[in-house]
Amino acid sequence: MPRFYVNPNPSFERSAKHIDAITNANPAQVTTTTDHNYEDGDIVRLTVPDAYGMRRAHNLKGKINVTGAKTFTIDIDTTGFNPFAIPAPIPWYVNASAQVLPVGEVSANLGGATQNVL
């Protein structure tokens, strides 16, 4: 009979999402192409390739406040940044889209993910 390993300390990781828009505001509002399933207090990192305009936002991290299923504000001031724009058509040399990647969260958000249900 095969034995299965069950991690006694499972981790919970939210997935990366593609960015549809970032406003020039303080705080900036980010819109994702699909529901993000993030929670207030999550910490995310923005990845913005050169072709998307808002290059100064690339690799910036911030805490978010969810404003909708596909939107959240992030504590980053983008008022002086170049506008975010999805290139159309996307040039052949752009091999990545703009994304938001979760990198941390408020510990209270982890409550539902600490019990292994396997």
PDB file of N, CA and C in Angstrom:
ATOM      1  N   MET A   1       0.841  -1.173   0.000  1.00  0.00           N
ATOM      2  CA  MET A   1       0.000   0.000   0.000  1.00  0.00           C
ATOM      3  C   MET A   1       0.896   1.249   0.000  1.00  0.00           C
ATOM      4  N   PRO A   2       0.648   2.203  -0.925  1.00  0.00           N
ATOM      5  CA  PRO A   2       1.487   3.411  -0.970  1.00  0.00           C
ATOM      6  C   PRO A   2       1.215   4.303   0.237  1.00  0.00           C
ATOM      7  N   ARG A   3       2.246   5.004   0.650  1.00  0.00           N
ATOM      8  CA  ARG A   3       2.109   5.968   1.741  1.00  0.00           C
ATOM      9  C   ARG A   3       2.129   7.367   1.137  1.00  0.00           C
ATOM     10  N   PHE A   4       1.279   8.207   1.649  1.00  0.00           N
ATOM     11  CA  PHE A   4       1.206   9.578   1.176  1.00  0.00           C
ATOM     12  C   PHE A   4       1.734  10.497   2.250  1.00  0.00           C
ATOM     13  N   TYR A   5       2.524  11.439   1.848  1.00  0.00           N
ATOM     14  CA  TYR A   5       3.048  12.430   2.777  1.00  0.00           C
ATOM     15  C   TYR A   5       2.074  13.594   2.828  1.00  0.00           C
ATOM     16  N   VAL A   6       1.654  13.951   4.015  1.00  0.00           N
ATOM     17  CA  VAL A   6       0.793  15.112   4.209  1.00  0.00           C
ATOM     18  C   VAL A   6       1.574  16.117   5.038  1.00  0.00           C
ATOM     19  N   ASN A   7       1.772  17.282   4.513  1.00  0.00           N
ATOM     20  CA  ASN A   7       2.512  18.316   5.206  1.00  0.00           C
ATOM     21  C   ASN A   7       1.762  18.737   6.465  1.00  0.00           C
ATOM     22  N   PRO A   8       2.364  18.611   7.651  1.00  0.00           N
ATOM     23  CA  PRO A   8       1.676  19.008   8.877  1.00  0.00           C
ATOM     24  C   PRO A   8       1.548  20.526   9.017  1.00  0.00           C
ATOM     25  N   ASN A   9       2.310  21.274   8.246  1.00  0.00           N
ATOM     26  CA  ASN A   9       2.255  22.735   8.285  1.00  0.00           C
ATOM     27  C   ASN A   9       2.044  23.268   6.869  1.00  0.00           C
ATOM     28  N   PRO A  10       0.846  23.078   6.329  1.00  0.00           N
ATOM     29  CA  PRO A  10       0.633  23.496   4.939  1.00  0.00           C
ATOM     30  C   PRO A  10       0.725  25.003   4.796  1.00  0.00           C
ATOM     31  N   SER A  11       1.183  25.432   3.640  1.00  0.00           N
ATOM     32  CA  SER A  11       1.227  26.868   3.372  1.00  0.00           C
ATOM     33  C   SER A  11       0.113  27.207   2.398  1.00  0.00           C
ATOM     34  N   PHE A  12      -0.241  28.458   2.400  1.00  0.00           N
ATOM     35  CA  PHE A  12      -1.293  28.936   1.515  1.00  0.00           C
ATOM     36  C   PHE A  12      -0.705  30.059   0.694  1.00  0.00           C
ATOM     37  N   GLU A  13      -0.765  29.934  -0.615  1.00  0.00           N
ATOM     38  CA  GLU A  13      -0.217  30.966  -1.467  1.00  0.00           C
ATOM     39  C   GLU A  13      -1.253  31.392  -2.492  1.00  0.00           C
ATOM     40  N   ARG A  14      -1.517  32.670  -2.523  1.00  0.00           N
ATOM     41  CA  ARG A  14      -2.424  33.210  -3.521  1.00  0.00           C
ATOM     42  C   ARG A  14      -1.675  33.265  -4.855  1.00  0.00           C
ATOM     43  N   SER A  15      -2.417  33.232  -5.928  1.00  0.00           N
ATOM     44  CA  SER A  15      -1.773  33.161  -7.238  1.00  0.00           C
ATOM     45  C   SER A  15      -1.487  34.544  -7.823  1.00  0.00           C
ATOM     46  N   ALA A  16      -0.546  34.572  -8.748  1.00  0.00           N
ATOM     47  CA  ALA A  16      -0.240  35.790  -9.493  1.00  0.00           C
ATOM     48  C   ALA A  16      -1.397  36.071 -10.445  1.00  0.00           C
ATOM     49  N   LYS A  17      -1.618  37.334 -10.740  1.00  0.00           N
ATOM     50  CA  LYS A  17      -2.683  37.742 -11.664  1.00  0.00           C
ATOM     51  C   LYS A  17      -2.134  38.730 -12.675  1.00  0.00           C
ATOM     52  N   HIS A  18      -2.696  38.708 -13.876  1.00  0.00           N
ATOM     53  CA  HIS A  18      -2.323  39.664 -14.910  1.00  0.00           C
ATOM     54  C   HIS A  18      -2.986  41.006 -14.619  1.00  0.00           C
ATOM     55  N   ILE A  19      -2.254  42.075 -14.887  1.00  0.00           N
ATOM     56  CA  ILE A  19      -2.751  43.427 -14.633  1.00  0.00           C
ATOM     57  C   ILE A  19      -3.395  43.978 -15.898  1.00  0.00           C
ATOM     58  N   ASP A  20      -4.605  44.544 -15.719  1.00  0.00           N
ATOM     59  CA  ASP A  20      -5.324  45.176 -16.820  1.00  0.00           C
ATOM     60  C   ASP A  20      -5.135  46.690 -16.797  1.00  0.00           C
ATOM     61  N   ALA A  21      -4.945  47.268 -15.585  1.00  0.00           N
ATOM     62  CA  ALA A  21      -4.783  48.716 -15.468  1.00  0.00           C
ATOM     63  C   ALA A  21      -4.174  49.073 -14.117  1.00  0.00           C
ATOM     64  N   ILE A  22      -3.430  50.190 -14.114  1.00  0.00           N
ATOM     65  CA  ILE A  22      -2.930  50.801 -12.882  1.00  0.00           C
ATOM     66  C   ILE A  22      -3.168  52.297 -13.038  1.00  0.00           C
ATOM     67  N   THR A  23      -3.800  52.908 -12.052  1.00  0.00           N
ATOM     68  CA  THR A  23      -4.068  54.344 -12.134  1.00  0.00           C
ATOM     69  C   THR A  23      -2.858  55.155 -11.687  1.00  0.00           C
ATOM     70  N   ASN A  24      -2.804  56.406 -12.148  1.00  0.00           N
ATOM     71  CA  ASN A  24      -1.817  57.363 -11.651  1.00  0.00           C
ATOM     72  C   ASN A  24      -2.468  58.080 -10.484  1.00  0.00           C
ATOM     73  N   ALA A  25      -2.289  57.540  -9.288  1.00  0.00           N
ATOM     74  CA  ALA A  25      -2.957  58.072  -8.105  1.00  0.00           C
ATOM     75  C   ALA A  25      -2.172  57.702  -6.853  1.00  0.00           C
ATOM     76  N   ASN A  26      -2.605  58.266  -5.733  1.00  0.00           N
ATOM     77  CA  ASN A  26      -2.038  57.923  -4.435  1.00  0.00           C
ATOM     78  C   ASN A  26      -3.174  57.691  -3.452  1.00  0.00           C
ATOM     79  N   PRO A  27      -3.483  56.437  -3.132  1.00  0.00           N
ATOM     80  CA  PRO A  27      -2.813  55.212  -3.564  1.00  0.00           C
ATOM     81  C   PRO A  27      -3.257  54.808  -4.967  1.00  0.00           C
ATOM     82  N   ALA A  28      -2.414  54.043  -5.624  1.00  0.00           N
ATOM     83  CA  ALA A  28      -2.736  53.563  -6.972  1.00  0.00           C
ATOM     84  C   ALA A  28      -3.815  52.492  -6.890  1.00  0.00           C
ATOM     85  N   GLN A  29      -4.667  52.460  -7.896  1.00  0.00           N
ATOM     86  CA  GLN A  29      -5.650  51.374  -7.995  1.00  0.00           C
ATOM     87  C   GLN A  29      -5.214  50.441  -9.105  1.00  0.00           C
ATOM     88  N   VAL A  30      -5.228  49.137  -8.796  1.00  0.00           N
ATOM     89  CA  VAL A  30      -4.826  48.109  -9.745  1.00  0.00           C
ATOM     90  C   VAL A  30      -6.064  47.305 -10.127  1.00  0.00           C
ATOM     91  N   THR A  31      -6.217  47.049 -11.419  1.00  0.00           N
ATOM     92  CA  THR A  31      -7.304  46.209 -11.928  1.00  0.00           C
ATOM     93  C   THR A  31      -6.670  44.977 -12.558  1.00  0.00           C
ATOM     94  N   THR A  32      -7.158  43.809 -12.165  1.00  0.00           N
ATOM     95  CA  THR A  32      -6.654  42.552 -12.726  1.00  0.00           C
ATOM     96  C   THR A  32      -7.611  42.047 -13.800  1.00  0.00           C
ATOM     97  N   THR A  33      -7.134  41.170 -14.656  1.00  0.00           N
ATOM     98  CA  THR A  33      -7.963  40.664 -15.747  1.00  0.00           C
ATOM     99  C   THR A  33      -8.980  39.632 -15.266  1.00  0.00           C
ATOM    100  N   THR A  34      -8.704  38.993 -14.137  1.00  0.00           N
ATOM    101  CA  THR A  34      -9.624  38.012 -13.546  1.00  0.00           C
ATOM    102  C   THR A  34      -9.762  38.305 -12.056  1.00  0.00           C
ATOM    103  N   ASP A  35     -10.724  37.675 -11.398  1.00  0.00           N
ATOM    104  CA  ASP A  35     -10.878  37.853  -9.953  1.00  0.00           C
ATOM    105  C   ASP A  35      -9.569  37.497  -9.264  1.00  0.00           C
ATOM    106  N   HIS A  36      -9.117  38.366  -8.367  1.00  0.00           N
ATOM    107  CA  HIS A  36      -7.801  38.160  -7.741  1.00  0.00           C
ATOM    108  C   HIS A  36      -7.861  37.336  -6.457  1.00  0.00           C
ATOM    109  N   ASN A  37      -8.956  37.313  -5.752  1.00  0.00           N
ATOM    110  CA  ASN A  37      -9.106  36.565  -4.498  1.00  0.00           C
ATOM    111  C   ASN A  37      -8.133  37.000  -3.415  1.00  0.00           C
ATOM    112  N   TYR A  38      -7.633  38.230  -3.490  1.00  0.00           N
ATOM    113  CA  TYR A  38      -6.752  38.745  -2.456  1.00  0.00           C
ATOM    114  C   TYR A  38      -7.600  39.274  -1.302  1.00  0.00           C
ATOM    115  N   GLU A  39      -6.955  39.572  -0.188  1.00  0.00           N
ATOM    116  CA  GLU A  39      -7.630  40.108   0.984  1.00  0.00           C
ATOM    117  C   GLU A  39      -6.934  41.372   1.446  1.00  0.00           C
ATOM    118  N   ASP A  40      -7.672  42.229   2.150  1.00  0.00           N
ATOM    119  CA  ASP A  40      -7.079  43.434   2.738  1.00  0.00           C
ATOM    120  C   ASP A  40      -5.841  43.039   3.529  1.00  0.00           C
ATOM    121  N   GLY A  41      -4.769  43.794   3.345  1.00  0.00           N
ATOM    122  CA  GLY A  41      -3.546  43.540   4.086  1.00  0.00           C
ATOM    123  C   GLY A  41      -2.546  42.659   3.373  1.00  0.00           C
ATOM    124  N   ASP A  42      -2.952  41.997   2.289  1.00  0.00           N
ATOM    125  CA  ASP A  42      -1.982  41.211   1.525  1.00  0.00           C
ATOM    126  C   ASP A  42      -0.893  42.152   1.006  1.00  0.00           C
ATOM    127  N   ILE A  43       0.305  41.643   0.886  1.00  0.00           N
ATOM    128  CA  ILE A  43       1.418  42.418   0.338  1.00  0.00           C
ATOM    129  C   ILE A  43       1.737  41.820  -1.020  1.00  0.00           C
ATOM    130  N   VAL A  44       1.782  42.683  -2.029  1.00  0.00           N
ATOM    131  CA  VAL A  44       2.007  42.214  -3.391  1.00  0.00           C
ATOM    132  C   VAL A  44       3.160  42.977  -4.032  1.00  0.00           C
ATOM    133  N   ARG A  45       3.712  42.374  -5.086  1.00  0.00           N
ATOM    134  CA  ARG A  45       4.763  43.006  -5.887  1.00  0.00           C
ATOM    135  C   ARG A  45       4.244  43.163  -7.302  1.00  0.00           C
ATOM    136  N   LEU A  46       4.478  44.315  -7.875  1.00  0.00           N
ATOM    137  CA  LEU A  46       4.080  44.583  -9.251  1.00  0.00           C
ATOM    138  C   LEU A  46       5.241  44.262 -10.185  1.00  0.00           C
ATOM    139  N   THR A  47       4.963  43.590 -11.283  1.00  0.00           N
ATOM    140  CA  THR A  47       5.971  43.409 -12.327  1.00  0.00           C
ATOM    141  C   THR A  47       5.408  44.068 -13.587  1.00  0.00           C
ATOM    142  N   VAL A  48       6.123  45.070 -14.054  1.00  0.00           N
ATOM    143  CA  VAL A  48       5.646  45.860 -15.190  1.00  0.00           C
ATOM    144  C   VAL A  48       6.764  45.940 -16.236  1.00  0.00           C
ATOM    145  N   PRO A  49       6.650  45.164 -17.321  1.00  0.00           N
ATOM    146  CA  PRO A  49       7.658  45.237 -18.384  1.00  0.00           C
ATOM    147  C   PRO A  49       7.702  46.626 -19.022  1.00  0.00           C
ATOM    148  N   ASP A  50       8.824  46.963 -19.619  1.00  0.00           N
ATOM    149  CA  ASP A  50       9.016  48.286 -20.240  1.00  0.00           C
ATOM    150  C   ASP A  50       7.890  48.669 -21.189  1.00  0.00           C
ATOM    151  N   ALA A  51       7.406  47.733 -21.976  1.00  0.00           N
ATOM    152  CA  ALA A  51       6.408  48.029 -23.004  1.00  0.00           C
ATOM    153  C   ALA A  51       5.079  48.517 -22.426  1.00  0.00           C
ATOM    154  N   TYR A  52       4.857  48.333 -21.122  1.00  0.00           N
ATOM    155  CA  TYR A  52       3.584  48.723 -20.502  1.00  0.00           C
ATOM    156  C   TYR A  52       3.615  50.141 -19.938  1.00  0.00           C
ATOM    157  N   GLY A  53       4.702  50.841 -20.112  1.00  0.00           N
ATOM    158  CA  GLY A  53       4.753  52.258 -19.763  1.00  0.00           C
ATOM    159  C   GLY A  53       5.155  52.584 -18.341  1.00  0.00           C
ATOM    160  N   MET A  54       4.474  52.092 -17.360  1.00  0.00           N
ATOM    161  CA  MET A  54       4.696  52.484 -15.970  1.00  0.00           C
ATOM    162  C   MET A  54       5.891  51.722 -15.378  1.00  0.00           C
ATOM    163  N   ARG A  55       7.042  51.900 -15.987  1.00  0.00           N
ATOM    164  CA  ARG A  55       8.245  51.145 -15.621  1.00  0.00           C
ATOM    165  C   ARG A  55       8.687  51.392 -14.176  1.00  0.00           C
ATOM    166  N   ARG A  56       8.460  52.582 -13.651  1.00  0.00           N
ATOM    167  CA  ARG A  56       8.883  52.879 -12.278  1.00  0.00           C
ATOM    168  C   ARG A  56       8.136  52.043 -11.249  1.00  0.00           C
ATOM    169  N   ALA A  57       7.013  51.436 -11.644  1.00  0.00           N
ATOM    170  CA  ALA A  57       6.266  50.585 -10.723  1.00  0.00           C
ATOM    171  C   ALA A  57       6.837  49.169 -10.674  1.00  0.00           C
ATOM    172  N   HIS A  58       7.733  48.849 -11.587  1.00  0.00           N
ATOM    173  CA  HIS A  58       8.294  47.492 -11.662  1.00  0.00           C
ATOM    174  C   HIS A  58       9.008  47.126 -10.364  1.00  0.00           C
ATOM    175  N   ASN A  59       8.632  45.978  -9.816  1.00  0.00           N
ATOM    176  CA  ASN A  59       9.203  45.404  -8.597  1.00  0.00           C
ATOM    177  C   ASN A  59       8.870  46.168  -7.317  1.00  0.00           C
ATOM    178  N   LEU A  60       7.950  47.117  -7.357  1.00  0.00           N
ATOM    179  CA  LEU A  60       7.539  47.787  -6.120  1.00  0.00           C
ATOM    180  C   LEU A  60       6.580  46.891  -5.357  1.00  0.00           C
ATOM    181  N   LYS A  61       6.682  46.934  -4.028  1.00  0.00           N
ATOM    182  CA  LYS A  61       5.808  46.139  -3.159  1.00  0.00           C
ATOM    183  C   LYS A  61       4.962  47.074  -2.322  1.00  0.00           C
ATOM    184  N   GLY A  62       3.763  46.598  -1.980  1.00  0.00           N
ATOM    185  CA  GLY A  62       2.901  47.393  -1.120  1.00  0.00           C
ATOM    186  C   GLY A  62       1.763  46.576  -0.541  1.00  0.00           C
ATOM    187  N   LYS A  63       1.165  47.127   0.495  1.00  0.00           N
ATOM    188  CA  LYS A  63       0.012  46.503   1.138  1.00  0.00           C
ATOM    189  C   LYS A  63      -1.239  46.959   0.403  1.00  0.00           C
ATOM    190  N   ILE A  64      -2.205  46.062   0.266  1.00  0.00           N
ATOM    191  CA  ILE A  64      -3.392  46.377  -0.522  1.00  0.00           C
ATOM    192  C   ILE A  64      -4.651  46.473   0.333  1.00  0.00           C
ATOM    193  N   ASN A  65      -5.628  47.176  -0.219  1.00  0.00           N
ATOM    194  CA  ASN A  65      -7.001  47.215   0.291  1.00  0.00           C
ATOM    195  C   ASN A  65      -7.900  46.835  -0.868  1.00  0.00           C
ATOM    196  N   VAL A  66      -8.657  45.772  -0.692  1.00  0.00           N
ATOM    197  CA  VAL A  66      -9.515  45.273  -1.757  1.00  0.00           C
ATOM    198  C   VAL A  66     -10.706  46.208  -1.941  1.00  0.00           C
ATOM    199  N   THR A  67     -10.973  46.586  -3.200  1.00  0.00           N
ATOM    200  CA  THR A  67     -12.111  47.451  -3.516  1.00  0.00           C
ATOM    201  C   THR A  67     -13.127  46.747  -4.403  1.00  0.00           C
ATOM    202  N   GLY A  68     -12.780  45.587  -4.917  1.00  0.00           N
ATOM    203  CA  GLY A  68     -13.686  44.815  -5.760  1.00  0.00           C
ATOM    204  C   GLY A  68     -13.065  43.479  -6.115  1.00  0.00           C
ATOM    205  N   ALA A  69     -13.826  42.640  -6.813  1.00  0.00           N
ATOM    206  CA  ALA A  69     -13.341  41.311  -7.176  1.00  0.00           C
ATOM    207  C   ALA A  69     -12.097  41.369  -8.067  1.00  0.00           C
ATOM    208  N   LYS A  70     -11.993  42.422  -8.884  1.00  0.00           N
ATOM    209  CA  LYS A  70     -10.852  42.567  -9.784  1.00  0.00           C
ATOM    210  C   LYS A  70     -10.037  43.810  -9.497  1.00  0.00           C
ATOM    211  N   THR A  71     -10.336  44.522  -8.401  1.00  0.00           N
ATOM    212  CA  THR A  71      -9.640  45.778  -8.120  1.00  0.00           C
ATOM    213  C   THR A  71      -9.176  45.847  -6.667  1.00  0.00           C
ATOM    214  N   PHE A  72      -8.089  46.595  -6.477  1.00  0.00           N
ATOM    215  CA  PHE A  72      -7.599  46.896  -5.138  1.00  0.00           C
ATOM    216  C   PHE A  72      -6.734  48.141  -5.216  1.00  0.00           C
ATOM    217  N   THR A  73      -6.592  48.822  -4.077  1.00  0.00           N
ATOM    218  CA  THR A  73      -5.638  49.920  -4.012  1.00  0.00           C
ATOM    219  C   THR A  73      -4.380  49.391  -3.345  1.00  0.00           C
ATOM    220  N   ILE A  74      -3.260  49.984  -3.711  1.00  0.00           N
ATOM    221  CA  ILE A  74      -1.966  49.588  -3.163  1.00  0.00           C
ATOM    222  C   ILE A  74      -1.268  50.845  -2.665  1.00  0.00           C
ATOM    223  N   ASP A  75      -0.616  50.753  -1.519  1.00  0.00           N
ATOM    224  CA  ASP A  75      -0.019  51.943  -0.924  1.00  0.00           C
ATOM    225  C   ASP A  75       1.272  52.375  -1.634  1.00  0.00           C
ATOM    226  N   ILE A  76       1.113  52.652  -2.923  1.00  0.00           N
ATOM    227  CA  ILE A  76       2.191  53.172  -3.765  1.00  0.00           C
ATOM    228  C   ILE A  76       1.657  54.427  -4.449  1.00  0.00           C
ATOM    229  N   ASP A  77       2.447  55.500  -4.414  1.00  0.00           N
ATOM    230  CA  ASP A  77       2.076  56.754  -5.069  1.00  0.00           C
ATOM    231  C   ASP A  77       2.601  56.722  -6.504  1.00  0.00           C
ATOM    232  N   THR A  78       1.698  56.599  -7.466  1.00  0.00           N
ATOM    233  CA  THR A  78       2.091  56.534  -8.876  1.00  0.00           C
ATOM    234  C   THR A  78       1.770  57.829  -9.625  1.00  0.00           C
ATOM    235  N   THR A  79       1.486  58.903  -8.894  1.00  0.00           N
ATOM    236  CA  THR A  79       1.068  60.143  -9.563  1.00  0.00           C
ATOM    237  C   THR A  79       2.137  60.685 -10.509  1.00  0.00           C
ATOM    238  N   GLY A  80       3.404  60.497 -10.229  1.00  0.00           N
ATOM    239  CA  GLY A  80       4.468  61.008 -11.088  1.00  0.00           C
ATOM    240  C   GLY A  80       5.000  59.996 -12.091  1.00  0.00           C
ATOM    241  N   PHE A  81       4.389  58.821 -12.157  1.00  0.00           N
ATOM    242  CA  PHE A  81       4.854  57.775 -13.069  1.00  0.00           C
ATOM    243  C   PHE A  81       4.250  57.967 -14.458  1.00  0.00           C
ATOM    244  N   ASN A  82       4.896  57.408 -15.475  1.00  0.00           N
ATOM    245  CA  ASN A  82       4.293  57.362 -16.804  1.00  0.00           C
ATOM    246  C   ASN A  82       3.014  56.539 -16.720  1.00  0.00           C
ATOM    247  N   PRO A  83       2.017  56.830 -17.545  1.00  0.00           N
ATOM    248  CA  PRO A  83       0.764  56.062 -17.501  1.00  0.00           C
ATOM    249  C   PRO A  83       0.978  54.600 -17.876  1.00  0.00           C
ATOM    250  N   PHE A  84       0.194  53.729 -17.262  1.00  0.00           N
ATOM    251  CA  PHE A  84       0.191  52.308 -17.589  1.00  0.00           C
ATOM    252  C   PHE A  84      -0.648  52.120 -18.847  1.00  0.00           C
ATOM    253  N   ALA A  85      -0.128  51.374 -19.802  1.00  0.00           N
ATOM    254  CA  ALA A  85      -0.881  51.103 -21.031  1.00  0.00           C
ATOM    255  C   ALA A  85      -0.454  49.755 -21.591  1.00  0.00           C
ATOM    256  N   ILE A  86      -1.432  48.923 -21.871  1.00  0.00           N
ATOM    257  CA  ILE A  86      -1.132  47.638 -22.491  1.00  0.00           C
ATOM    258  C   ILE A  86      -0.839  47.892 -23.965  1.00  0.00           C
ATOM    259  N   PRO A  87       0.333  47.480 -24.449  1.00  0.00           N
ATOM    260  CA  PRO A  87       0.657  47.721 -25.856  1.00  0.00           C
ATOM    261  C   PRO A  87      -0.245  46.901 -26.776  1.00  0.00           C
ATOM    262  N   ALA A  88      -0.669  47.534 -27.848  1.00  0.00           N
ATOM    263  CA  ALA A  88      -1.526  46.817 -28.802  1.00  0.00           C
ATOM    264  C   ALA A  88      -0.995  47.066 -30.199  1.00  0.00           C
ATOM    265  N   PRO A  89      -0.635  46.079 -30.926  1.00  0.00           N
ATOM    266  CA  PRO A  89      -0.470  44.703 -30.464  1.00  0.00           C
ATOM    267  C   PRO A  89       0.773  44.595 -29.592  1.00  0.00           C
ATOM    268  N   ILE A  90       0.818  43.559 -28.783  1.00  0.00           N
ATOM    269  CA  ILE A  90       1.981  43.351 -27.924  1.00  0.00           C
ATOM    270  C   ILE A  90       3.160  42.973 -28.819  1.00  0.00           C
ATOM    271  N   PRO A  91       4.260  43.727 -28.720  1.00  0.00           N
ATOM    272  CA  PRO A  91       5.415  43.458 -29.589  1.00  0.00           C
ATOM    273  C   PRO A  91       5.985  42.056 -29.384  1.00  0.00           C
ATOM    274  N   TRP A  92       6.572  41.494 -30.407  1.00  0.00           N
ATOM    275  CA  TRP A  92       7.115  40.143 -30.362  1.00  0.00           C
ATOM    276  C   TRP A  92       8.185  39.980 -29.291  1.00  0.00           C
ATOM    277  N   TYR A  93       8.893  41.062 -28.953  1.00  0.00           N
ATOM    278  CA  TYR A  93       9.984  40.958 -27.992  1.00  0.00           C
ATOM    279  C   TYR A  93       9.516  41.041 -26.536  1.00  0.00           C
ATOM    280  N   VAL A  94       8.242  41.298 -26.319  1.00  0.00           N
ATOM    281  CA  VAL A  94       7.716  41.327 -24.941  1.00  0.00           C
ATOM    282  C   VAL A  94       7.312  39.908 -24.583  1.00  0.00           C
ATOM    283  N   ASN A  95       8.085  39.283 -23.707  1.00  0.00           N
ATOM    284  CA  ASN A  95       7.825  37.890 -23.374  1.00  0.00           C
ATOM    285  C   ASN A  95       7.152  37.722 -22.016  1.00  0.00           C
ATOM    286  N   ALA A  96       6.662  38.807 -21.449  1.00  0.00           N
ATOM    287  CA  ALA A  96       5.958  38.726 -20.160  1.00  0.00           C
ATOM    288  C   ALA A  96       4.896  39.807 -20.102  1.00  0.00           C
ATOM    289  N   SER A  97       3.821  39.515 -19.432  1.00  0.00           N
ATOM    290  CA  SER A  97       2.776  40.519 -19.248  1.00  0.00           C
ATOM    291  C   SER A  97       2.972  41.187 -17.891  1.00  0.00           C
ATOM    292  N   ALA A  98       2.283  42.290 -17.686  1.00  0.00           N
ATOM    293  CA  ALA A  98       2.306  42.946 -16.376  1.00  0.00           C
ATOM    294  C   ALA A  98       1.534  42.060 -15.408  1.00  0.00           C
ATOM    295  N   GLN A  99       2.119  41.838 -14.236  1.00  0.00           N
ATOM    296  CA  GLN A  99       1.500  40.951 -13.260  1.00  0.00           C
ATOM    297  C   GLN A  99       1.613  41.519 -11.853  1.00  0.00           C
ATOM    298  N   VAL A 100       0.730  41.031 -11.004  1.00  0.00           N
ATOM    299  CA  VAL A 100       0.812  41.308  -9.572  1.00  0.00           C
ATOM    300  C   VAL A 100       1.036  39.956  -8.894  1.00  0.00           C
ATOM    301  N   LEU A 101       2.029  39.908  -8.007  1.00  0.00           N
ATOM    302  CA  LEU A 101       2.394  38.657  -7.347  1.00  0.00           C
ATOM    303  C   LEU A 101       2.322  38.837  -5.834  1.00  0.00           C
ATOM    304  N   PRO A 102       1.568  38.007  -5.149  1.00  0.00           N
ATOM    305  CA  PRO A 102       1.513  38.092  -3.691  1.00  0.00           C
ATOM    306  C   PRO A 102       2.853  37.677  -3.082  1.00  0.00           C
ATOM    307  N   VAL A 103       3.324  38.438  -2.113  1.00  0.00           N
ATOM    308  CA  VAL A 103       4.588  38.110  -1.454  1.00  0.00           C
ATOM    309  C   VAL A 103       4.447  38.008   0.055  1.00  0.00           C
ATOM    310  N   GLY A 104       3.308  38.377   0.592  1.00  0.00           N
ATOM    311  CA  GLY A 104       3.108  38.311   2.031  1.00  0.00           C
ATOM    312  C   GLY A 104       1.683  38.642   2.381  1.00  0.00           C
ATOM    313  N   GLU A 105       1.353  38.437   3.643  1.00  0.00           N
ATOM    314  CA  GLU A 105       0.003  38.731   4.078  1.00  0.00           C
ATOM    315  C   GLU A 105      -0.027  38.964   5.564  1.00  0.00           C
ATOM    316  N   VAL A 106      -1.073  39.626   6.012  1.00  0.00           N
ATOM    317  CA  VAL A 106      -1.290  39.817   7.430  1.00  0.00           C
ATOM    318  C   VAL A 106      -1.615  38.454   8.010  1.00  0.00           C
ATOM    319  N   SER A 107      -1.035  38.100   9.144  1.00  0.00           N
ATOM    320  CA  SER A 107      -1.197  36.745   9.680  1.00  0.00           C
ATOM    321  C   SER A 107      -2.652  36.368   9.929  1.00  0.00           C
ATOM    322  N   ALA A 108      -3.514  37.332  10.207  1.00  0.00           N
ATOM    323  CA  ALA A 108      -4.932  37.026  10.438  1.00  0.00           C
ATOM    324  C   ALA A 108      -5.588  36.458   9.182  1.00  0.00           C
ATOM    325  N   ASN A 109      -5.083  36.809   8.010  1.00  0.00           N
ATOM    326  CA  ASN A 109      -5.646  36.304   6.759  1.00  0.00           C
ATOM    327  C   ASN A 109      -5.379  34.815   6.562  1.00  0.00           C
ATOM    328  N   LEU A 110      -4.404  34.283   7.258  1.00  0.00           N
ATOM    329  CA  LEU A 110      -3.992  32.905   7.061  1.00  0.00           C
ATOM    330  C   LEU A 110      -4.848  31.913   7.824  1.00  0.00           C
ATOM    331  N   GLY A 111      -5.759  32.384   8.654  1.00  0.00           N
ATOM    332  CA  GLY A 111      -6.551  31.524   9.517  1.00  0.00           C
ATOM    333  C   GLY A 111      -7.207  30.343   8.844  1.00  0.00           C
ATOM    334  N   GLY A 112      -7.818  30.513   7.680  1.00  0.00           N
ATOM    335  CA  GLY A 112      -8.518  29.427   7.013  1.00  0.00           C
ATOM    336  C   GLY A 112      -7.610  28.462   6.302  1.00  0.00           C
ATOM    337  N   ALA A 113      -6.341  28.742   6.214  1.00  0.00           N
ATOM    338  CA  ALA A 113      -5.444  27.890   5.435  1.00  0.00           C
ATOM    339  C   ALA A 113      -4.500  27.068   6.305  1.00  0.00           C
ATOM    340  N   THR A 114      -4.708  27.066   7.597  1.00  0.00           N
ATOM    341  CA  THR A 114      -3.765  26.367   8.466  1.00  0.00           C
ATOM    342  C   THR A 114      -4.175  24.945   8.783  1.00  0.00           C
ATOM    343  N   GLN A 115      -5.327  24.539   8.341  1.00  0.00           N
ATOM    344  CA  GLN A 115      -5.785  23.165   8.603  1.00  0.00           C
ATOM    345  C   GLN A 115      -5.707  22.368   7.326  1.00  0.00           C
ATOM    346  N   ASN A 116      -4.978  21.277   7.376  1.00  0.00           N
ATOM    347  CA  ASN A 116      -4.843  20.427   6.211  1.00  0.00           C
ATOM    348  C   ASN A 116      -6.103  19.575   6.078  1.00  0.00           C
ATOM    349  N   VAL A 117      -6.769  19.666   4.943  1.00  0.00           N
ATOM    350  CA  VAL A 117      -8.034  18.964   4.754  1.00  0.00           C
ATOM    351  C   VAL A 117      -7.895  17.720   3.898  1.00  0.00           C
ATOM    352  N   LEU A 118      -6.673  17.318   3.587  1.00  0.00           N
ATOM    353  CA  LEU A 118      -6.471  16.124   2.775  1.00  0.00           C
ATOM    354  C   LEU A 118      -6.795  14.876   3.563  1.00  0.00           C
TER     355      LEU A 118
END
